[in-house]
Amino acid sequence: MLTGMVQRVVCRLGHIFDRETFQDWLSLANPKWKAFADEMERTGAKLRTNHDGDVAIEHLGISYESFVVPDCPHCSSEKNMSVFVSCLPR
């Protein structure tokens, strides 16, 4: 479940990390994705967003199924990280 603020990442046991640190972990865990993102930024290329918000990228040699979410360094090896994104005020 995603909730909260985009500036932090929290594991299921409550360990909190700043987003920049987590982004570095994502880059290390996903070198192919990092290279893909760097190339997109370098060239200014834009991906087409589908009506559901997803982006079709498999034809570009990268797959969502290869994406790795890093483990919390303070917990067991379970996949237990959640990115907290901004919520609209009620």
PDB file of N, CA and C in Angstrom:
ATOM      1  N   MET A   1       0.839  -1.178   0.000  1.00  0.00           N
ATOM      2  CA  MET A   1       0.000   0.000   0.000  1.00  0.00           C
ATOM      3  C   MET A   1       0.882   1.238   0.000  1.00  0.00           C
ATOM      4  N   LEU A   2       0.553   2.212  -0.808  1.00  0.00           N
ATOM      5  CA  LEU A   2       1.303   3.451  -0.889  1.00  0.00           C
ATOM      6  C   LEU A   2       0.495   4.576  -0.258  1.00  0.00           C
ATOM      7  N   THR A   3       1.119   5.295   0.652  1.00  0.00           N
ATOM      8  CA  THR A   3       0.444   6.404   1.327  1.00  0.00           C
ATOM      9  C   THR A   3       1.488   7.334   1.934  1.00  0.00           C
ATOM     10  N   GLY A   4       1.116   8.525   2.381  1.00  0.00           N
ATOM     11  CA  GLY A   4       2.052   9.403   3.090  1.00  0.00           C
ATOM     12  C   GLY A   4       2.695  10.466   2.230  1.00  0.00           C
ATOM     13  N   MET A   5       4.047  10.541   2.251  1.00  0.00           N
ATOM     14  CA  MET A   5       4.785  11.585   1.535  1.00  0.00           C
ATOM     15  C   MET A   5       5.831  10.967   0.620  1.00  0.00           C
ATOM     16  N   VAL A   6       6.121  11.630  -0.501  1.00  0.00           N
ATOM     17  CA  VAL A   6       7.077  11.110  -1.469  1.00  0.00           C
ATOM     18  C   VAL A   6       8.526  11.241  -0.963  1.00  0.00           C
ATOM     19  N   GLN A   7       8.741  11.996   0.091  1.00  0.00           N
ATOM     20  CA  GLN A   7      10.099  12.242   0.581  1.00  0.00           C
ATOM     21  C   GLN A   7      10.668  11.101   1.410  1.00  0.00           C
ATOM     22  N   ARG A   8       9.846  10.111   1.763  1.00  0.00           N
ATOM     23  CA  ARG A   8      10.383   9.049   2.602  1.00  0.00           C
ATOM     24  C   ARG A   8       9.868   7.682   2.177  1.00  0.00           C
ATOM     25  N   VAL A   9      10.601   6.679   2.622  1.00  0.00           N
ATOM     26  CA  VAL A   9      10.263   5.286   2.369  1.00  0.00           C
ATOM     27  C   VAL A   9      10.255   4.598   3.722  1.00  0.00           C
ATOM     28  N   VAL A  10       9.261   3.753   3.948  1.00  0.00           N
ATOM     29  CA  VAL A  10       9.115   3.088   5.239  1.00  0.00           C
ATOM     30  C   VAL A  10       8.945   1.589   5.010  1.00  0.00           C
ATOM     31  N   CYS A  11       9.660   0.784   5.786  1.00  0.00           N
ATOM     32  CA  CYS A  11       9.460  -0.657   5.697  1.00  0.00           C
ATOM     33  C   CYS A  11       8.260  -1.038   6.557  1.00  0.00           C
ATOM     34  N   ARG A  12       7.818  -2.273   6.429  1.00  0.00           N
ATOM     35  CA  ARG A  12       6.637  -2.726   7.169  1.00  0.00           C
ATOM     36  C   ARG A  12       6.841  -2.713   8.677  1.00  0.00           C
ATOM     37  N   LEU A  13       8.081  -2.704   9.113  1.00  0.00           N
ATOM     38  CA  LEU A  13       8.351  -2.666  10.550  1.00  0.00           C
ATOM     39  C   LEU A  13       8.614  -1.246  11.050  1.00  0.00           C
ATOM     40  N   GLY A  14       8.470  -0.253  10.161  1.00  0.00           N
ATOM     41  CA  GLY A  14       8.541   1.142  10.572  1.00  0.00           C
ATOM     42  C   GLY A  14       9.874   1.846  10.417  1.00  0.00           C
ATOM     43  N   HIS A  15      10.888   1.198   9.855  1.00  0.00           N
ATOM     44  CA  HIS A  15      12.163   1.879   9.615  1.00  0.00           C
ATOM     45  C   HIS A  15      11.972   2.886   8.491  1.00  0.00           C
ATOM     46  N   ILE A  16      12.419   4.112   8.711  1.00  0.00           N
ATOM     47  CA  ILE A  16      12.193   5.207   7.764  1.00  0.00           C
ATOM     48  C   ILE A  16      13.514   5.611   7.107  1.00  0.00           C
ATOM     49  N   PHE A  17      13.458   5.826   5.789  1.00  0.00           N
ATOM     50  CA  PHE A  17      14.627   6.247   5.018  1.00  0.00           C
ATOM     51  C   PHE A  17      14.221   7.412   4.125  1.00  0.00           C
ATOM     52  N   ASP A  18      15.158   8.313   3.868  1.00  0.00           N
ATOM     53  CA  ASP A  18      14.846   9.396   2.939  1.00  0.00           C
ATOM     54  C   ASP A  18      14.806   8.834   1.525  1.00  0.00           C
ATOM     55  N   ARG A  19      14.024   9.480   0.681  1.00  0.00           N
ATOM     56  CA  ARG A  19      13.798   8.986  -0.679  1.00  0.00           C
ATOM     57  C   ARG A  19      15.092   8.929  -1.488  1.00  0.00           C
ATOM     58  N   GLU A  20      15.989   9.895  -1.284  1.00  0.00           N
ATOM     59  CA  GLU A  20      17.239   9.902  -2.049  1.00  0.00           C
ATOM     60  C   GLU A  20      18.072   8.648  -1.753  1.00  0.00           C
ATOM     61  N   THR A  21      18.140   8.250  -0.495  1.00  0.00           N
ATOM     62  CA  THR A  21      18.860   7.031  -0.120  1.00  0.00           C
ATOM     63  C   THR A  21      18.219   5.818  -0.781  1.00  0.00           C
ATOM     64  N   PHE A  22      16.886   5.739  -0.696  1.00  0.00           N
ATOM     65  CA  PHE A  22      16.175   4.618  -1.306  1.00  0.00           C
ATOM     66  C   PHE A  22      16.377   4.602  -2.813  1.00  0.00           C
ATOM     67  N   GLN A  23      16.391   5.775  -3.435  1.00  0.00           N
ATOM     68  CA  GLN A  23      16.618   5.866  -4.876  1.00  0.00           C
ATOM     69  C   GLN A  23      17.994   5.312  -5.240  1.00  0.00           C
ATOM     70  N   ASP A  24      18.994   5.593  -4.405  1.00  0.00           N
ATOM     71  CA  ASP A  24      20.332   5.031  -4.630  1.00  0.00           C
ATOM     72  C   ASP A  24      20.291   3.505  -4.544  1.00  0.00           C
ATOM     73  N   TRP A  25      19.544   2.969  -3.569  1.00  0.00           N
ATOM     74  CA  TRP A  25      19.403   1.508  -3.440  1.00  0.00           C
ATOM     75  C   TRP A  25      18.722   0.919  -4.663  1.00  0.00           C
ATOM     76  N   LEU A  26      17.686   1.621  -5.168  1.00  0.00           N
ATOM     77  CA  LEU A  26      17.007   1.156  -6.377  1.00  0.00           C
ATOM     78  C   LEU A  26      17.971   1.105  -7.555  1.00  0.00           C
ATOM     79  N   SER A  27      18.798   2.132  -7.694  1.00  0.00           N
ATOM     80  CA  SER A  27      19.767   2.178  -8.797  1.00  0.00           C
ATOM     81  C   SER A  27      20.763   1.031  -8.707  1.00  0.00           C
ATOM     82  N   LEU A  28      21.239   0.739  -7.505  1.00  0.00           N
ATOM     83  CA  LEU A  28      22.190  -0.364  -7.317  1.00  0.00           C
ATOM     84  C   LEU A  28      21.546  -1.719  -7.578  1.00  0.00           C
ATOM     85  N   ALA A  29      20.298  -1.872  -7.179  1.00  0.00           N
ATOM     86  CA  ALA A  29      19.595  -3.146  -7.340  1.00  0.00           C
ATOM     87  C   ALA A  29      19.110  -3.364  -8.773  1.00  0.00           C
ATOM     88  N   ASN A  30      19.045  -2.287  -9.557  1.00  0.00           N
ATOM     89  CA  ASN A  30      18.481  -2.348 -10.910  1.00  0.00           C
ATOM     90  C   ASN A  30      19.362  -1.614 -11.915  1.00  0.00           C
ATOM     91  N   PRO A  31      20.582  -2.107 -12.160  1.00  0.00           N
ATOM     92  CA  PRO A  31      21.499  -1.379 -13.043  1.00  0.00           C
ATOM     93  C   PRO A  31      20.963  -1.205 -14.462  1.00  0.00           C
ATOM     94  N   LYS A  32      20.197  -2.173 -14.962  1.00  0.00           N
ATOM     95  CA  LYS A  32      19.640  -2.055 -16.307  1.00  0.00           C
ATOM     96  C   LYS A  32      18.597  -0.929 -16.350  1.00  0.00           C
ATOM     97  N   TRP A  33      17.778  -0.842 -15.300  1.00  0.00           N
ATOM     98  CA  TRP A  33      16.793   0.234 -15.210  1.00  0.00           C
ATOM     99  C   TRP A  33      17.481   1.588 -15.062  1.00  0.00           C
ATOM    100  N   LYS A  34      18.555   1.630 -14.271  1.00  0.00           N
ATOM    101  CA  LYS A  34      19.307   2.882 -14.071  1.00  0.00           C
ATOM    102  C   LYS A  34      19.863   3.368 -15.406  1.00  0.00           C
ATOM    103  N   ALA A  35      20.460   2.454 -16.174  1.00  0.00           N
ATOM    104  CA  ALA A  35      21.004   2.819 -17.480  1.00  0.00           C
ATOM    105  C   ALA A  35      19.887   3.300 -18.405  1.00  0.00           C
ATOM    106  N   PHE A  36      18.734   2.640 -18.365  1.00  0.00           N
ATOM    107  CA  PHE A  36      17.590   3.034 -19.174  1.00  0.00           C
ATOM    108  C   PHE A  36      17.132   4.446 -18.803  1.00  0.00           C
ATOM    109  N   ALA A  37      16.980   4.716 -17.506  1.00  0.00           N
ATOM    110  CA  ALA A  37      16.537   6.036 -17.044  1.00  0.00           C
ATOM    111  C   ALA A  37      17.559   7.116 -17.390  1.00  0.00           C
ATOM    112  N   ASP A  38      18.844   6.802 -17.217  1.00  0.00           N
ATOM    113  CA  ASP A  38      19.895   7.768 -17.558  1.00  0.00           C
ATOM    114  C   ASP A  38      19.867   8.114 -19.044  1.00  0.00           C
ATOM    115  N   GLU A  39      19.645   7.098 -19.886  1.00  0.00           N
ATOM    116  CA  GLU A  39      19.585   7.328 -21.333  1.00  0.00           C
ATOM    117  C   GLU A  39      18.360   8.167 -21.698  1.00  0.00           C
ATOM    118  N   MET A  40      17.232   7.906 -21.040  1.00  0.00           N
ATOM    119  CA  MET A  40      16.024   8.697 -21.288  1.00  0.00           C
ATOM    120  C   MET A  40      16.265  10.160 -20.921  1.00  0.00           C
ATOM    121  N   GLU A  41      16.917  10.373 -19.793  1.00  0.00           N
ATOM    122  CA  GLU A  41      17.205  11.738 -19.360  1.00  0.00           C
ATOM    123  C   GLU A  41      18.209  12.413 -20.289  1.00  0.00           C
ATOM    124  N   ARG A  42      19.242  11.666 -20.680  1.00  0.00           N
ATOM    125  CA  ARG A  42      20.280  12.220 -21.547  1.00  0.00           C
ATOM    126  C   ARG A  42      19.720  12.657 -22.897  1.00  0.00           C
ATOM    127  N   THR A  43      18.829  11.833 -23.461  1.00  0.00           N
ATOM    128  CA  THR A  43      18.317  12.112 -24.793  1.00  0.00           C
ATOM    129  C   THR A  43      17.047  12.962 -24.785  1.00  0.00           C
ATOM    130  N   GLY A  44      16.425  13.082 -23.616  1.00  0.00           N
ATOM    131  CA  GLY A  44      15.163  13.820 -23.539  1.00  0.00           C
ATOM    132  C   GLY A  44      13.996  13.051 -24.137  1.00  0.00           C
ATOM    133  N   ALA A  45      14.187  11.758 -24.357  1.00  0.00           N
ATOM    134  CA  ALA A  45      13.130  10.928 -24.938  1.00  0.00           C
ATOM    135  C   ALA A  45      11.941  10.852 -23.985  1.00  0.00           C
ATOM    136  N   LYS A  46      10.765  10.771 -24.568  1.00  0.00           N
ATOM    137  CA  LYS A  46       9.521  10.663 -23.798  1.00  0.00           C
ATOM    138  C   LYS A  46       8.866   9.330 -24.117  1.00  0.00           C
ATOM    139  N   LEU A  47       8.360   8.671 -23.096  1.00  0.00           N
ATOM    140  CA  LEU A  47       7.637   7.423 -23.295  1.00  0.00           C
ATOM    141  C   LEU A  47       6.143   7.707 -23.360  1.00  0.00           C
ATOM    142  N   ARG A  48       5.451   6.907 -24.137  1.00  0.00           N
ATOM    143  CA  ARG A  48       4.000   7.057 -24.236  1.00  0.00           C
ATOM    144  C   ARG A  48       3.343   6.402 -23.019  1.00  0.00           C
ATOM    145  N   THR A  49       2.464   7.144 -22.372  1.00  0.00           N
ATOM    146  CA  THR A  49       1.734   6.620 -21.231  1.00  0.00           C
ATOM    147  C   THR A  49       0.408   6.049 -21.719  1.00  0.00           C
ATOM    148  N   ASN A  50       0.125   4.815 -21.331  1.00  0.00           N
ATOM    149  CA  ASN A  50      -1.140   4.180 -21.687  1.00  0.00           C
ATOM    150  C   ASN A  50      -2.280   4.806 -20.885  1.00  0.00           C
ATOM    151  N   HIS A  51      -3.511   4.534 -21.283  1.00  0.00           N
ATOM    152  CA  HIS A  51      -4.678   5.102 -20.610  1.00  0.00           C
ATOM    153  C   HIS A  51      -4.751   4.731 -19.132  1.00  0.00           C
ATOM    154  N   ASP A  52      -4.153   3.602 -18.743  1.00  0.00           N
ATOM    155  CA  ASP A  52      -4.178   3.187 -17.337  1.00  0.00           C
ATOM    156  C   ASP A  52      -3.006   3.763 -16.540  1.00  0.00           C
ATOM    157  N   GLY A  53      -2.176   4.588 -17.176  1.00  0.00           N
ATOM    158  CA  GLY A  53      -1.047   5.208 -16.496  1.00  0.00           C
ATOM    159  C   GLY A  53       0.260   4.448 -16.640  1.00  0.00           C
ATOM    160  N   ASP A  54       0.195   3.201 -17.104  1.00  0.00           N
ATOM    161  CA  ASP A  54       1.404   2.414 -17.317  1.00  0.00           C
ATOM    162  C   ASP A  54       2.114   2.872 -18.582  1.00  0.00           C
ATOM    163  N   VAL A  55       3.369   2.513 -18.686  1.00  0.00           N
ATOM    164  CA  VAL A  55       4.159   2.812 -19.871  1.00  0.00           C
ATOM    165  C   VAL A  55       4.626   1.487 -20.468  1.00  0.00           C
ATOM    166  N   ALA A  56       4.353   1.268 -21.740  1.00  0.00           N
ATOM    167  CA  ALA A  56       4.809   0.049 -22.420  1.00  0.00           C
ATOM    168  C   ALA A  56       6.295   0.194 -22.720  1.00  0.00           C
ATOM    169  N   ILE A  57       7.108  -0.672 -22.129  1.00  0.00           N
ATOM    170  CA  ILE A  57       8.554  -0.557 -22.299  1.00  0.00           C
ATOM    171  C   ILE A  57       9.219  -1.852 -22.737  1.00  0.00           C
ATOM    172  N   GLU A  58       8.482  -2.954 -22.718  1.00  0.00           N
ATOM    173  CA  GLU A  58       9.083  -4.245 -23.038  1.00  0.00           C
ATOM    174  C   GLU A  58       9.749  -4.239 -24.413  1.00  0.00           C
ATOM    175  N   HIS A  59       9.163  -3.520 -25.368  1.00  0.00           N
ATOM    176  CA  HIS A  59       9.736  -3.452 -26.707  1.00  0.00           C
ATOM    177  C   HIS A  59      11.058  -2.679 -26.728  1.00  0.00           C
ATOM    178  N   LEU A  60      11.382  -2.003 -25.613  1.00  0.00           N
ATOM    179  CA  LEU A  60      12.626  -1.245 -25.519  1.00  0.00           C
ATOM    180  C   LEU A  60      13.740  -2.039 -24.839  1.00  0.00           C
ATOM    181  N   GLY A  61      13.477  -3.306 -24.538  1.00  0.00           N
ATOM    182  CA  GLY A  61      14.501  -4.165 -23.947  1.00  0.00           C
ATOM    183  C   GLY A  61      14.554  -4.139 -22.439  1.00  0.00           C
ATOM    184  N   ILE A  62      13.511  -3.647 -21.792  1.00  0.00           N
ATOM    185  CA  ILE A  62      13.459  -3.623 -20.329  1.00  0.00           C
ATOM    186  C   ILE A  62      12.072  -4.099 -19.914  1.00  0.00           C
ATOM    187  N   SER A  63      11.994  -4.767 -18.773  1.00  0.00           N
ATOM    188  CA  SER A  63      10.724  -5.352 -18.348  1.00  0.00           C
ATOM    189  C   SER A  63      10.434  -4.997 -16.900  1.00  0.00           C
ATOM    190  N   TYR A  64       9.167  -4.734 -16.620  1.00  0.00           N
ATOM    191  CA  TYR A  64       8.770  -4.476 -15.232  1.00  0.00           C
ATOM    192  C   TYR A  64       9.070  -5.684 -14.343  1.00  0.00           C
ATOM    193  N   GLU A  65       9.009  -6.875 -14.921  1.00  0.00           N
ATOM    194  CA  GLU A  65       9.238  -8.094 -14.141  1.00  0.00           C
ATOM    195  C   GLU A  65      10.675  -8.220 -13.656  1.00  0.00           C
ATOM    196  N   SER A  66      11.596  -7.484 -14.275  1.00  0.00           N
ATOM    197  CA  SER A  66      12.998  -7.543 -13.841  1.00  0.00           C
ATOM    198  C   SER A  66      13.307  -6.538 -12.732  1.00  0.00           C
ATOM    199  N   PHE A  67      12.334  -5.688 -12.377  1.00  0.00           N
ATOM    200  CA  PHE A  67      12.560  -4.643 -11.379  1.00  0.00           C
ATOM    201  C   PHE A  67      12.655  -5.241  -9.978  1.00  0.00           C
ATOM    202  N   VAL A  68      13.688  -4.842  -9.225  1.00  0.00           N
ATOM    203  CA  VAL A  68      13.936  -5.361  -7.878  1.00  0.00           C
ATOM    204  C   VAL A  68      13.697  -4.260  -6.854  1.00  0.00           C
ATOM    205  N   VAL A  69      12.852  -4.555  -5.862  1.00  0.00           N
ATOM    206  CA  VAL A  69      12.660  -3.642  -4.733  1.00  0.00           C
ATOM    207  C   VAL A  69      13.650  -4.065  -3.659  1.00  0.00           C
ATOM    208  N   PRO A  70      14.541  -3.166  -3.230  1.00  0.00           N
ATOM    209  CA  PRO A  70      15.557  -3.533  -2.242  1.00  0.00           C
ATOM    210  C   PRO A  70      14.946  -3.918  -0.893  1.00  0.00           C
ATOM    211  N   ASP A  71      15.660  -4.778  -0.182  1.00  0.00           N
ATOM    212  CA  ASP A  71      15.261  -5.144   1.178  1.00  0.00           C
ATOM    213  C   ASP A  71      15.600  -4.016   2.135  1.00  0.00           C
ATOM    214  N   CYS A  72      14.867  -3.943   3.228  1.00  0.00           N
ATOM    215  CA  CYS A  72      15.218  -3.022   4.312  1.00  0.00           C
ATOM    216  C   CYS A  72      16.507  -3.524   4.952  1.00  0.00           C
ATOM    217  N   PRO A  73      17.512  -2.667   5.108  1.00  0.00           N
ATOM    218  CA  PRO A  73      18.784  -3.117   5.680  1.00  0.00           C
ATOM    219  C   PRO A  73      18.698  -3.438   7.176  1.00  0.00           C
ATOM    220  N   HIS A  74      17.585  -3.084   7.829  1.00  0.00           N
ATOM    221  CA  HIS A  74      17.429  -3.336   9.255  1.00  0.00           C
ATOM    222  C   HIS A  74      16.553  -4.540   9.568  1.00  0.00           C
ATOM    223  N   CYS A  75      15.925  -5.111   8.560  1.00  0.00           N
ATOM    224  CA  CYS A  75      14.970  -6.204   8.762  1.00  0.00           C
ATOM    225  C   CYS A  75      15.482  -7.487   8.126  1.00  0.00           C
ATOM    226  N   SER A  76      14.621  -8.498   8.148  1.00  0.00           N
ATOM    227  CA  SER A  76      14.941  -9.749   7.471  1.00  0.00           C
ATOM    228  C   SER A  76      14.965  -9.518   5.969  1.00  0.00           C
ATOM    229  N   SER A  77      15.158 -10.576   5.217  1.00  0.00           N
ATOM    230  CA  SER A  77      15.284 -10.437   3.766  1.00  0.00           C
ATOM    231  C   SER A  77      13.940 -10.347   3.054  1.00  0.00           C
ATOM    232  N   GLU A  78      12.850 -10.160   3.798  1.00  0.00           N
ATOM    233  CA  GLU A  78      11.540 -10.023   3.157  1.00  0.00           C
ATOM    234  C   GLU A  78      11.476  -8.739   2.338  1.00  0.00           C
ATOM    235  N   LYS A  79      10.719  -8.803   1.256  1.00  0.00           N
ATOM    236  CA  LYS A  79      10.463  -7.600   0.465  1.00  0.00           C
ATOM    237  C   LYS A  79       9.418  -6.792   1.214  1.00  0.00           C
ATOM    238  N   ASN A  80       9.860  -5.725   1.887  1.00  0.00           N
ATOM    239  CA  ASN A  80       8.929  -5.049   2.784  1.00  0.00           C
ATOM    240  C   ASN A  80       9.020  -3.534   2.756  1.00  0.00           C
ATOM    241  N   MET A  81       9.431  -2.966   1.637  1.00  0.00           N
ATOM    242  CA  MET A  81       9.564  -1.518   1.561  1.00  0.00           C
ATOM    243  C   MET A  81       8.331  -0.908   0.883  1.00  0.00           C
ATOM    244  N   SER A  82       7.908   0.259   1.351  1.00  0.00           N
ATOM    245  CA  SER A  82       6.802   0.997   0.751  1.00  0.00           C
ATOM    246  C   SER A  82       7.216   2.440   0.553  1.00  0.00           C
ATOM    247  N   VAL A  83       6.987   2.978  -0.633  1.00  0.00           N
ATOM    248  CA  VAL A  83       7.251   4.379  -0.884  1.00  0.00           C
ATOM    249  C   VAL A  83       6.022   5.153  -0.436  1.00  0.00           C
ATOM    250  N   PHE A  84       6.218   6.175   0.346  1.00  0.00           N
ATOM    251  CA  PHE A  84       5.104   6.976   0.813  1.00  0.00           C
ATOM    252  C   PHE A  84       4.933   8.163  -0.116  1.00  0.00           C
ATOM    253  N   VAL A  85       3.770   8.242  -0.738  1.00  0.00           N
ATOM    254  CA  VAL A  85       3.481   9.301  -1.706  1.00  0.00           C
ATOM    255  C   VAL A  85       2.547  10.332  -1.094  1.00  0.00           C
ATOM    256  N   SER A  86       2.520  11.524  -1.671  1.00  0.00           N
ATOM    257  CA  SER A  86       1.700  12.605  -1.148  1.00  0.00           C
ATOM    258  C   SER A  86       0.208  12.293  -1.261  1.00  0.00           C
ATOM    259  N   CYS A  87      -0.531  12.684  -0.278  1.00  0.00           N
ATOM    260  CA  CYS A  87      -1.978  12.518  -0.287  1.00  0.00           C
ATOM    261  C   CYS A  87      -2.634  13.889  -0.411  1.00  0.00           C
ATOM    262  N   LEU A  88      -3.799  13.925  -1.029  1.00  0.00           N
ATOM    263  CA  LEU A  88      -4.557  15.164  -1.104  1.00  0.00           C
ATOM    264  C   LEU A  88      -5.195  15.440   0.253  1.00  0.00           C
ATOM    265  N   PRO A  89      -5.225  16.695   0.687  1.00  0.00           N
ATOM    266  CA  PRO A  89      -5.886  16.998   1.955  1.00  0.00           C
ATOM    267  C   PRO A  89      -7.376  16.704   1.858  1.00  0.00           C
ATOM    268  N   ARG A  90      -7.941  16.246   2.963  1.00  0.00           N
ATOM    269  CA  ARG A  90      -9.381  15.925   2.972  1.00  0.00           C
ATOM    270  C   ARG A  90     -10.196  17.112   3.340  1.00  0.00           C
TER     271      ARG A  90
END
